[in-house]
Amino acid sequence: MISITDRHQLILQKLKEEGHVSVQQLSAQMDVSDVTIRKDLKLLEDKNLLFRTHGGGSIKNPYANDRPVNEKEQLYKEEKQKIAQAAAKMIGNNDSIIIASGTTVLALARCINSTTNLTIITSALNVALELSHKNNVEVLQLGGQLRQNSSSVAGPYAEELLKDVTCGILFLGVDGIDPEAGLTTTSLMEARLNQKMIQAAQITVVLADSSKFGKRGLAKIASIDKIQHIITDKGIPENMKKVFEESGVNLTITD
């Protein structure tokens, strides 16, 4: 049987050549169990030689950084616009919905039909300002501590208000989506508020461009089984697409 030292050298060599390794491929190549390979990856991660990902390892850091909202808004603009347009089609007349924070849900706010009668609850100041110009849209702005990087609020005041709320759909933006880590964000306060939003909504729809898949933020919002729908773009990795489809989550992929 191949030694642990040789296994680690082979794993690191493959990472150097391809940038990513798969547990299944490594176990078949080395004729060892998946459990053995996962232990190898854990040891190598502990030595800061790689990052573990769903089903394998990578040399790229999967952890999301907290960037200012105006900087994030410039990334994947076309993909976000198409995702927003698909999400807007889910909104019906007289609906009551929650829109969380983030640049993709801001794009959704811009797509909402101003002739539709809606009640919208949001934690995002930029979303509220965008909606304030639309006729027939009643906006309830949550209060709390302002997070400048996201132009949104979080904290106990916002959470308290949501205790008395029930809505049809929550449109949620995230910093990372991973089958093992679930939905994550870079802020613990925002994650807690997002959890309260999920509890207040009948359906949770995650709006996320494909760059968010395989990423992880500091704070966990929820596991995948807590959401019903994901809208993303065609850049979603095939292995991720398969995982979410098999988990029963409705997946809409824009052109």
C-alpha atoms as a PDB file:
ATOM      1  CA  MET A   1       0.000   0.000   0.000  1.00  0.00           C
ATOM      2  CA  ILE A   2       1.193   3.517  -0.843  1.00  0.00           C
ATOM      3  CA  SER A   3       2.587   5.383   2.167  1.00  0.00           C
ATOM      4  CA  ILE A   4       1.005   8.505   3.646  1.00  0.00           C
ATOM      5  CA  THR A   5       4.040  10.572   2.615  1.00  0.00           C
ATOM      6  CA  ASP A   6       3.762   9.416  -0.984  1.00  0.00           C
ATOM      7  CA  ARG A   7      -0.001  10.060  -0.972  1.00  0.00           C
ATOM      8  CA  HIS A   8       0.530  13.603   0.228  1.00  0.00           C
ATOM      9  CA  GLN A   9       3.194  14.229  -2.421  1.00  0.00           C
ATOM     10  CA  LEU A  10       0.875  12.937  -5.139  1.00  0.00           C
ATOM     11  CA  ILE A  11      -2.007  15.070  -3.888  1.00  0.00           C
ATOM     12  CA  LEU A  12       0.125  18.224  -3.814  1.00  0.00           C
ATOM     13  CA  GLN A  13       1.564  17.478  -7.257  1.00  0.00           C
ATOM     14  CA  LYS A  14      -1.910  17.031  -8.728  1.00  0.00           C
ATOM     15  CA  LEU A  15      -3.017  20.261  -7.071  1.00  0.00           C
ATOM     16  CA  LYS A  16      -0.061  22.078  -8.603  1.00  0.00           C
ATOM     17  CA  GLU A  17      -0.944  20.740 -12.056  1.00  0.00           C
ATOM     18  CA  GLU A  18      -4.738  21.071 -11.989  1.00  0.00           C
ATOM     19  CA  GLY A  19      -5.578  23.425  -9.118  1.00  0.00           C
ATOM     20  CA  HIS A  20      -8.200  21.027  -7.732  1.00  0.00           C
ATOM     21  CA  VAL A  21      -8.396  17.388  -6.654  1.00  0.00           C
ATOM     22  CA  SER A  22     -11.333  15.014  -6.234  1.00  0.00           C
ATOM     23  CA  VAL A  23     -11.671  12.538  -3.373  1.00  0.00           C
ATOM     24  CA  GLN A  24     -13.097   9.867  -5.681  1.00  0.00           C
ATOM     25  CA  GLN A  25     -10.377  10.260  -8.291  1.00  0.00           C
ATOM     26  CA  LEU A  26      -7.604  10.195  -5.701  1.00  0.00           C
ATOM     27  CA  SER A  27      -8.986   7.134  -3.926  1.00  0.00           C
ATOM     28  CA  ALA A  28      -9.240   5.253  -7.240  1.00  0.00           C
ATOM     29  CA  GLN A  29      -5.779   6.330  -8.351  1.00  0.00           C
ATOM     30  CA  MET A  30      -4.126   5.349  -5.056  1.00  0.00           C
ATOM     31  CA  ASP A  31      -6.361   2.337  -4.328  1.00  0.00           C
ATOM     32  CA  VAL A  32      -7.373   3.574  -0.870  1.00  0.00           C
ATOM     33  CA  SER A  33     -10.721   4.455   0.674  1.00  0.00           C
ATOM     34  CA  ASP A  34     -12.475   7.813   0.408  1.00  0.00           C
ATOM     35  CA  VAL A  35     -12.133   8.110   4.194  1.00  0.00           C
ATOM     36  CA  THR A  36      -8.340   7.841   3.925  1.00  0.00           C
ATOM     37  CA  ILE A  37      -8.194  10.576   1.277  1.00  0.00           C
ATOM     38  CA  ARG A  38     -10.429  12.876   3.333  1.00  0.00           C
ATOM     39  CA  LYS A  39      -8.078  12.412   6.304  1.00  0.00           C
ATOM     40  CA  ASP A  40      -5.131  13.222   4.038  1.00  0.00           C
ATOM     41  CA  LEU A  41      -6.837  16.403   2.848  1.00  0.00           C
ATOM     42  CA  LYS A  42      -7.604  17.395   6.437  1.00  0.00           C
ATOM     43  CA  LEU A  43      -3.941  16.947   7.429  1.00  0.00           C
ATOM     44  CA  LEU A  44      -2.762  18.958   4.439  1.00  0.00           C
ATOM     45  CA  GLU A  45      -5.264  21.712   5.187  1.00  0.00           C
ATOM     46  CA  ASP A  46      -4.047  21.845   8.794  1.00  0.00           C
ATOM     47  CA  LYS A  47      -0.572  22.506   7.381  1.00  0.00           C
ATOM     48  CA  ASN A  48      -1.998  25.320   5.188  1.00  0.00           C
ATOM     49  CA  LEU A  49      -1.075  23.455   2.012  1.00  0.00           C
ATOM     50  CA  LEU A  50      -4.587  23.361   0.529  1.00  0.00           C
ATOM     51  CA  PHE A  51      -8.239  24.223   1.146  1.00  0.00           C
ATOM     52  CA  ARG A  52     -10.808  21.481   1.486  1.00  0.00           C
ATOM     53  CA  THR A  53     -13.859  21.837  -0.730  1.00  0.00           C
ATOM     54  CA  HIS A  54     -16.979  19.770  -1.369  1.00  0.00           C
ATOM     55  CA  GLY A  55     -15.706  16.405  -2.588  1.00  0.00           C
ATOM     56  CA  GLY A  56     -12.061  17.373  -2.767  1.00  0.00           C
ATOM     57  CA  GLY A  57      -9.465  20.082  -2.270  1.00  0.00           C
ATOM     58  CA  SER A  58      -8.277  23.260  -3.969  1.00  0.00           C
ATOM     59  CA  ILE A  59      -5.328  25.652  -3.958  1.00  0.00           C
ATOM     60  CA  LYS A  60      -7.810  28.552  -4.185  1.00  0.00           C
ATOM     61  CA  ASN A  61      -9.161  30.027  -0.969  1.00  0.00           C
ATOM     62  CA  PRO A  62     -12.916  29.259  -0.834  1.00  0.00           C
ATOM     63  CA  TYR A  63     -13.584  31.799   1.917  1.00  0.00           C
ATOM     64  CA  ALA A  64     -15.396  34.954   0.861  1.00  0.00           C
ATOM     65  CA  ASN A  65     -14.074  38.426   1.649  1.00  0.00           C
ATOM     66  CA  ASP A  66     -16.256  41.277   2.880  1.00  0.00           C
ATOM     67  CA  ARG A  67     -16.031  43.876   0.102  1.00  0.00           C
ATOM     68  CA  PRO A  68     -17.811  47.259  -0.053  1.00  0.00           C
ATOM     69  CA  VAL A  69     -21.194  47.079  -1.789  1.00  0.00           C
ATOM     70  CA  ASN A  70     -20.188  49.557  -4.534  1.00  0.00           C
ATOM     71  CA  GLU A  71     -17.218  47.326  -5.390  1.00  0.00           C
ATOM     72  CA  LYS A  72     -19.301  44.126  -5.441  1.00  0.00           C
ATOM     73  CA  GLU A  73     -21.917  45.803  -7.624  1.00  0.00           C
ATOM     74  CA  GLN A  74     -19.415  45.984 -10.492  1.00  0.00           C
ATOM     75  CA  LEU A  75     -18.803  42.225 -10.473  1.00  0.00           C
ATOM     76  CA  TYR A  76     -20.861  39.871 -12.687  1.00  0.00           C
ATOM     77  CA  LYS A  77     -23.274  42.692 -13.576  1.00  0.00           C
ATOM     78  CA  GLU A  78     -24.816  40.943 -16.580  1.00  0.00           C
ATOM     79  CA  GLU A  79     -25.329  37.679 -14.667  1.00  0.00           C
ATOM     80  CA  LYS A  80     -26.924  39.510 -11.737  1.00  0.00           C
ATOM     81  CA  GLN A  81     -29.284  41.353 -14.062  1.00  0.00           C
ATOM     82  CA  LYS A  82     -30.524  38.111 -15.638  1.00  0.00           C
ATOM     83  CA  ILE A  83     -30.912  36.484 -12.220  1.00  0.00           C
ATOM     84  CA  ALA A  84     -32.909  39.506 -11.032  1.00  0.00           C
ATOM     85  CA  GLN A  85     -35.182  39.377 -14.065  1.00  0.00           C
ATOM     86  CA  ALA A  86     -35.920  35.693 -13.441  1.00  0.00           C
ATOM     87  CA  ALA A  87     -36.641  36.389  -9.763  1.00  0.00           C
ATOM     88  CA  ALA A  88     -39.006  39.262 -10.572  1.00  0.00           C
ATOM     89  CA  LYS A  89     -41.224  36.849 -12.505  1.00  0.00           C
ATOM     90  CA  MET A  90     -41.940  35.006  -9.238  1.00  0.00           C
ATOM     91  CA  ILE A  91     -43.589  38.075  -7.693  1.00  0.00           C
ATOM     92  CA  GLY A  92     -47.361  38.395  -8.021  1.00  0.00           C
ATOM     93  CA  ASN A  93     -49.810  41.230  -7.429  1.00  0.00           C
ATOM     94  CA  ASN A  94     -50.557  41.969  -3.749  1.00  0.00           C
ATOM     95  CA  ASP A  95     -47.643  39.826  -2.581  1.00  0.00           C
ATOM     96  CA  SER A  96     -45.824  40.497   0.679  1.00  0.00           C
ATOM     97  CA  ILE A  97     -42.129  39.714   0.354  1.00  0.00           C
ATOM     98  CA  ILE A  98     -38.814  40.178   2.120  1.00  0.00           C
ATOM     99  CA  ILE A  99     -35.722  41.371   0.265  1.00  0.00           C
ATOM    100  CA  ALA A 100     -32.471  40.915   2.161  1.00  0.00           C
ATOM    101  CA  SER A 101     -29.218  42.735   1.362  1.00  0.00           C
ATOM    102  CA  GLY A 102     -26.686  42.377  -1.435  1.00  0.00           C
ATOM    103  CA  THR A 103     -26.044  43.532  -4.975  1.00  0.00           C
ATOM    104  CA  THR A 104     -28.094  40.797  -6.670  1.00  0.00           C
ATOM    105  CA  VAL A 105     -31.212  41.566  -4.623  1.00  0.00           C
ATOM    106  CA  LEU A 106     -30.621  45.260  -5.364  1.00  0.00           C
ATOM    107  CA  ALA A 107     -30.806  44.345  -9.046  1.00  0.00           C
ATOM    108  CA  LEU A 108     -34.095  42.601  -8.261  1.00  0.00           C
ATOM    109  CA  ALA A 109     -35.482  45.776  -6.660  1.00  0.00           C
ATOM    110  CA  ARG A 110     -34.725  47.642  -9.889  1.00  0.00           C
ATOM    111  CA  CYS A 111     -36.626  45.010 -11.903  1.00  0.00           C
ATOM    112  CA  ILE A 112     -39.815  45.097  -9.859  1.00  0.00           C
ATOM    113  CA  ASN A 113     -42.841  46.303 -11.806  1.00  0.00           C
ATOM    114  CA  SER A 114     -44.023  49.632 -10.374  1.00  0.00           C
ATOM    115  CA  THR A 115     -47.633  48.858 -11.326  1.00  0.00           C
ATOM    116  CA  THR A 116     -47.734  45.805  -9.035  1.00  0.00           C
ATOM    117  CA  ASN A 117     -49.235  46.257  -5.561  1.00  0.00           C
ATOM    118  CA  LEU A 118     -46.642  44.974  -3.121  1.00  0.00           C
ATOM    119  CA  THR A 119     -45.570  45.118   0.481  1.00  0.00           C
ATOM    120  CA  ILE A 120     -41.805  44.733   0.773  1.00  0.00           C
ATOM    121  CA  ILE A 121     -39.752  44.387   3.945  1.00  0.00           C
ATOM    122  CA  THR A 122     -36.033  44.962   3.605  1.00  0.00           C
ATOM    123  CA  SER A 123     -32.895  45.390   5.682  1.00  0.00           C
ATOM    124  CA  ALA A 124     -31.052  47.115   2.822  1.00  0.00           C
ATOM    125  CA  LEU A 125     -31.083  50.898   2.598  1.00  0.00           C
ATOM    126  CA  ASN A 126     -30.217  50.907  -1.106  1.00  0.00           C
ATOM    127  CA  VAL A 127     -33.074  48.486  -1.813  1.00  0.00           C
ATOM    128  CA  ALA A 128     -35.525  50.675   0.142  1.00  0.00           C
ATOM    129  CA  LEU A 129     -34.396  53.812  -1.717  1.00  0.00           C
ATOM    130  CA  GLU A 130     -34.777  52.072  -5.064  1.00  0.00           C
ATOM    131  CA  LEU A 131     -38.297  50.918  -4.185  1.00  0.00           C
ATOM    132  CA  SER A 132     -39.329  54.294  -2.780  1.00  0.00           C
ATOM    133  CA  HIS A 133     -39.609  55.618  -6.341  1.00  0.00           C
ATOM    134  CA  LYS A 134     -42.048  52.912  -7.423  1.00  0.00           C
ATOM    135  CA  ASN A 135     -45.799  53.467  -7.268  1.00  0.00           C
ATOM    136  CA  ASN A 136     -47.998  50.957  -5.411  1.00  0.00           C
ATOM    137  CA  VAL A 137     -45.043  49.524  -3.481  1.00  0.00           C
ATOM    138  CA  GLU A 138     -45.239  49.843   0.302  1.00  0.00           C
ATOM    139  CA  VAL A 139     -41.802  49.580   1.887  1.00  0.00           C
ATOM    140  CA  LEU A 140     -41.069  48.595   5.474  1.00  0.00           C
ATOM    141  CA  GLN A 141     -37.454  49.422   6.298  1.00  0.00           C
ATOM    142  CA  LEU A 142     -35.982  47.406   9.149  1.00  0.00           C
ATOM    143  CA  GLY A 143     -33.986  49.352  11.732  1.00  0.00           C
ATOM    144  CA  GLY A 144     -30.794  48.530  13.562  1.00  0.00           C
ATOM    145  CA  GLN A 145     -27.042  48.901  13.337  1.00  0.00           C
ATOM    146  CA  LEU A 146     -25.865  50.095   9.932  1.00  0.00           C
ATOM    147  CA  ARG A 147     -23.308  47.932   8.128  1.00  0.00           C
ATOM    148  CA  GLN A 148     -21.523  50.314   5.770  1.00  0.00           C
ATOM    149  CA  ASN A 149     -19.995  47.600   3.581  1.00  0.00           C
ATOM    150  CA  SER A 150     -23.451  46.296   2.667  1.00  0.00           C
ATOM    151  CA  SER A 151     -25.572  49.464   3.078  1.00  0.00           C
ATOM    152  CA  SER A 152     -27.890  47.418   5.271  1.00  0.00           C
ATOM    153  CA  VAL A 153     -28.932  47.115   8.906  1.00  0.00           C
ATOM    154  CA  ALA A 154     -28.734  44.188  11.329  1.00  0.00           C
ATOM    155  CA  GLY A 155     -29.142  43.554  15.034  1.00  0.00           C
ATOM    156  CA  PRO A 156     -31.839  42.931  17.640  1.00  0.00           C
ATOM    157  CA  TYR A 157     -34.190  45.746  16.551  1.00  0.00           C
ATOM    158  CA  ALA A 158     -34.548  44.283  13.071  1.00  0.00           C
ATOM    159  CA  GLU A 159     -34.866  40.761  14.453  1.00  0.00           C
ATOM    160  CA  GLU A 160     -37.588  41.819  16.901  1.00  0.00           C
ATOM    161  CA  LEU A 161     -39.762  43.296  14.163  1.00  0.00           C
ATOM    162  CA  LEU A 162     -39.553  40.099  12.123  1.00  0.00           C
ATOM    163  CA  LYS A 163     -41.117  38.123  14.993  1.00  0.00           C
ATOM    164  CA  ASP A 164     -44.479  39.641  14.062  1.00  0.00           C
ATOM    165  CA  VAL A 165     -44.099  39.165  10.297  1.00  0.00           C
ATOM    166  CA  THR A 166     -45.128  36.435   7.881  1.00  0.00           C
ATOM    167  CA  CYS A 167     -44.461  36.744   4.154  1.00  0.00           C
ATOM    168  CA  GLY A 168     -44.699  34.699   1.000  1.00  0.00           C
ATOM    169  CA  ILE A 169     -41.176  34.886  -0.429  1.00  0.00           C
ATOM    170  CA  LEU A 170     -37.759  35.840   0.914  1.00  0.00           C
ATOM    171  CA  PHE A 171     -35.214  36.825  -1.729  1.00  0.00           C
ATOM    172  CA  LEU A 172     -31.850  36.197  -0.145  1.00  0.00           C
ATOM    173  CA  GLY A 173     -28.365  37.154  -1.263  1.00  0.00           C
ATOM    174  CA  VAL A 174     -25.361  35.247   0.118  1.00  0.00           C
ATOM    175  CA  ASP A 175     -21.568  35.394   0.042  1.00  0.00           C
ATOM    176  CA  GLY A 176     -21.118  31.651  -0.314  1.00  0.00           C
ATOM    177  CA  ILE A 177     -23.004  28.457  -1.177  1.00  0.00           C
ATOM    178  CA  ASP A 178     -21.496  25.096  -0.368  1.00  0.00           C
ATOM    179  CA  PRO A 179     -23.275  21.739   0.032  1.00  0.00           C
ATOM    180  CA  GLU A 180     -21.425  21.088   3.297  1.00  0.00           C
ATOM    181  CA  ALA A 181     -21.157  24.611   4.740  1.00  0.00           C
ATOM    182  CA  GLY A 182     -24.607  25.647   3.505  1.00  0.00           C
ATOM    183  CA  LEU A 183     -25.462  29.308   2.939  1.00  0.00           C
ATOM    184  CA  THR A 184     -22.923  31.694   4.434  1.00  0.00           C
ATOM    185  CA  THR A 185     -22.113  35.378   4.721  1.00  0.00           C
ATOM    186  CA  THR A 186     -19.194  37.418   6.038  1.00  0.00           C
ATOM    187  CA  SER A 187     -21.140  38.956   8.956  1.00  0.00           C
ATOM    188  CA  LEU A 188     -22.396  37.151  12.064  1.00  0.00           C
ATOM    189  CA  MET A 189     -25.046  39.827  12.663  1.00  0.00           C
ATOM    190  CA  GLU A 190     -26.309  39.591   9.106  1.00  0.00           C
ATOM    191  CA  ALA A 191     -26.412  35.792   9.278  1.00  0.00           C
ATOM    192  CA  ARG A 192     -28.612  35.930  12.375  1.00  0.00           C
ATOM    193  CA  LEU A 193     -30.978  38.409  10.736  1.00  0.00           C
ATOM    194  CA  ASN A 194     -31.141  36.243   7.610  1.00  0.00           C
ATOM    195  CA  GLN A 195     -32.110  33.288   9.820  1.00  0.00           C
ATOM    196  CA  LYS A 196     -35.053  35.305  11.189  1.00  0.00           C
ATOM    197  CA  MET A 197     -36.049  36.212   7.631  1.00  0.00           C
ATOM    198  CA  ILE A 198     -36.100  32.546   6.629  1.00  0.00           C
ATOM    199  CA  GLN A 199     -38.381  31.796   9.583  1.00  0.00           C
ATOM    200  CA  ALA A 200     -40.754  34.602   8.552  1.00  0.00           C
ATOM    201  CA  ALA A 201     -41.089  33.488   4.915  1.00  0.00           C
ATOM    202  CA  GLN A 202     -42.958  30.575   3.397  1.00  0.00           C
ATOM    203  CA  ILE A 203     -40.423  30.207   0.571  1.00  0.00           C
ATOM    204  CA  THR A 204     -36.754  31.188   0.506  1.00  0.00           C
ATOM    205  CA  VAL A 205     -35.251  31.969  -2.898  1.00  0.00           C
ATOM    206  CA  VAL A 206     -31.479  32.438  -3.034  1.00  0.00           C
ATOM    207  CA  LEU A 207     -30.170  34.793  -5.717  1.00  0.00           C
ATOM    208  CA  ALA A 208     -26.490  34.130  -6.388  1.00  0.00           C
ATOM    209  CA  ASP A 209     -24.190  34.340  -9.386  1.00  0.00           C
ATOM    210  CA  SER A 210     -22.109  31.249 -10.098  1.00  0.00           C
ATOM    211  CA  SER A 211     -18.966  32.665  -8.461  1.00  0.00           C
ATOM    212  CA  LYS A 212     -20.608  32.145  -5.056  1.00  0.00           C
ATOM    213  CA  PHE A 213     -20.708  28.342  -5.391  1.00  0.00           C
ATOM    214  CA  GLY A 214     -17.987  26.566  -3.459  1.00  0.00           C
ATOM    215  CA  LYS A 215     -17.309  29.748  -1.465  1.00  0.00           C
ATOM    216  CA  ARG A 216     -17.682  30.017   2.308  1.00  0.00           C
ATOM    217  CA  GLY A 217     -18.251  33.026   4.510  1.00  0.00           C
ATOM    218  CA  LEU A 218     -17.445  33.394   8.183  1.00  0.00           C
ATOM    219  CA  ALA A 219     -21.031  33.034   9.376  1.00  0.00           C
ATOM    220  CA  LYS A 220     -23.510  30.285   8.527  1.00  0.00           C
ATOM    221  CA  ILE A 221     -27.023  31.379   7.603  1.00  0.00           C
ATOM    222  CA  ALA A 222     -28.639  27.990   7.067  1.00  0.00           C
ATOM    223  CA  SER A 223     -28.149  24.516   5.664  1.00  0.00           C
ATOM    224  CA  ILE A 224     -29.307  23.785   2.133  1.00  0.00           C
ATOM    225  CA  ASP A 225     -32.448  21.958   3.295  1.00  0.00           C
ATOM    226  CA  LYS A 226     -33.821  25.249   4.654  1.00  0.00           C
ATOM    227  CA  ILE A 227     -34.242  26.783   1.192  1.00  0.00           C
ATOM    228  CA  GLN A 228     -36.577  25.953  -1.668  1.00  0.00           C
ATOM    229  CA  HIS A 229     -35.169  27.676  -4.736  1.00  0.00           C
ATOM    230  CA  ILE A 230     -31.863  28.944  -6.155  1.00  0.00           C
ATOM    231  CA  ILE A 231     -31.565  31.258  -9.158  1.00  0.00           C
ATOM    232  CA  THR A 232     -28.098  31.464 -10.703  1.00  0.00           C
ATOM    233  CA  ASP A 233     -26.324  31.692 -14.062  1.00  0.00           C
ATOM    234  CA  LYS A 234     -25.001  29.074 -16.452  1.00  0.00           C
ATOM    235  CA  GLY A 235     -21.511  29.270 -14.950  1.00  0.00           C
ATOM    236  CA  ILE A 236     -22.540  27.079 -12.000  1.00  0.00           C
ATOM    237  CA  PRO A 237     -20.123  24.103 -11.722  1.00  0.00           C
ATOM    238  CA  GLU A 238     -21.645  20.840 -12.965  1.00  0.00           C
ATOM    239  CA  ASN A 239     -20.869  18.999  -9.732  1.00  0.00           C
ATOM    240  CA  MET A 240     -22.673  21.696  -7.727  1.00  0.00           C
ATOM    241  CA  LYS A 241     -25.618  21.642 -10.115  1.00  0.00           C
ATOM    242  CA  LYS A 242     -25.997  17.895  -9.616  1.00  0.00           C
ATOM    243  CA  VAL A 243     -25.773  18.150  -5.812  1.00  0.00           C
ATOM    244  CA  PHE A 244     -28.509  20.774  -5.546  1.00  0.00           C
ATOM    245  CA  GLU A 245     -30.804  19.053  -8.007  1.00  0.00           C
ATOM    246  CA  GLU A 246     -30.472  15.787  -6.076  1.00  0.00           C
ATOM    247  CA  SER A 247     -31.164  17.592  -2.789  1.00  0.00           C
ATOM    248  CA  GLY A 248     -34.619  18.632  -4.012  1.00  0.00           C
ATOM    249  CA  VAL A 249     -33.864  22.368  -4.324  1.00  0.00           C
ATOM    250  CA  ASN A 250     -35.483  23.984  -7.360  1.00  0.00           C
ATOM    251  CA  LEU A 251     -32.695  25.338  -9.557  1.00  0.00           C
ATOM    252  CA  THR A 252     -33.252  28.055 -12.156  1.00  0.00           C
ATOM    253  CA  ILE A 253     -30.279  28.694 -14.439  1.00  0.00           C
ATOM    254  CA  THR A 254     -30.393  31.823 -16.573  1.00  0.00           C
ATOM    255  CA  ASP A 255     -28.985  32.007 -20.100  1.00  0.00           C
END
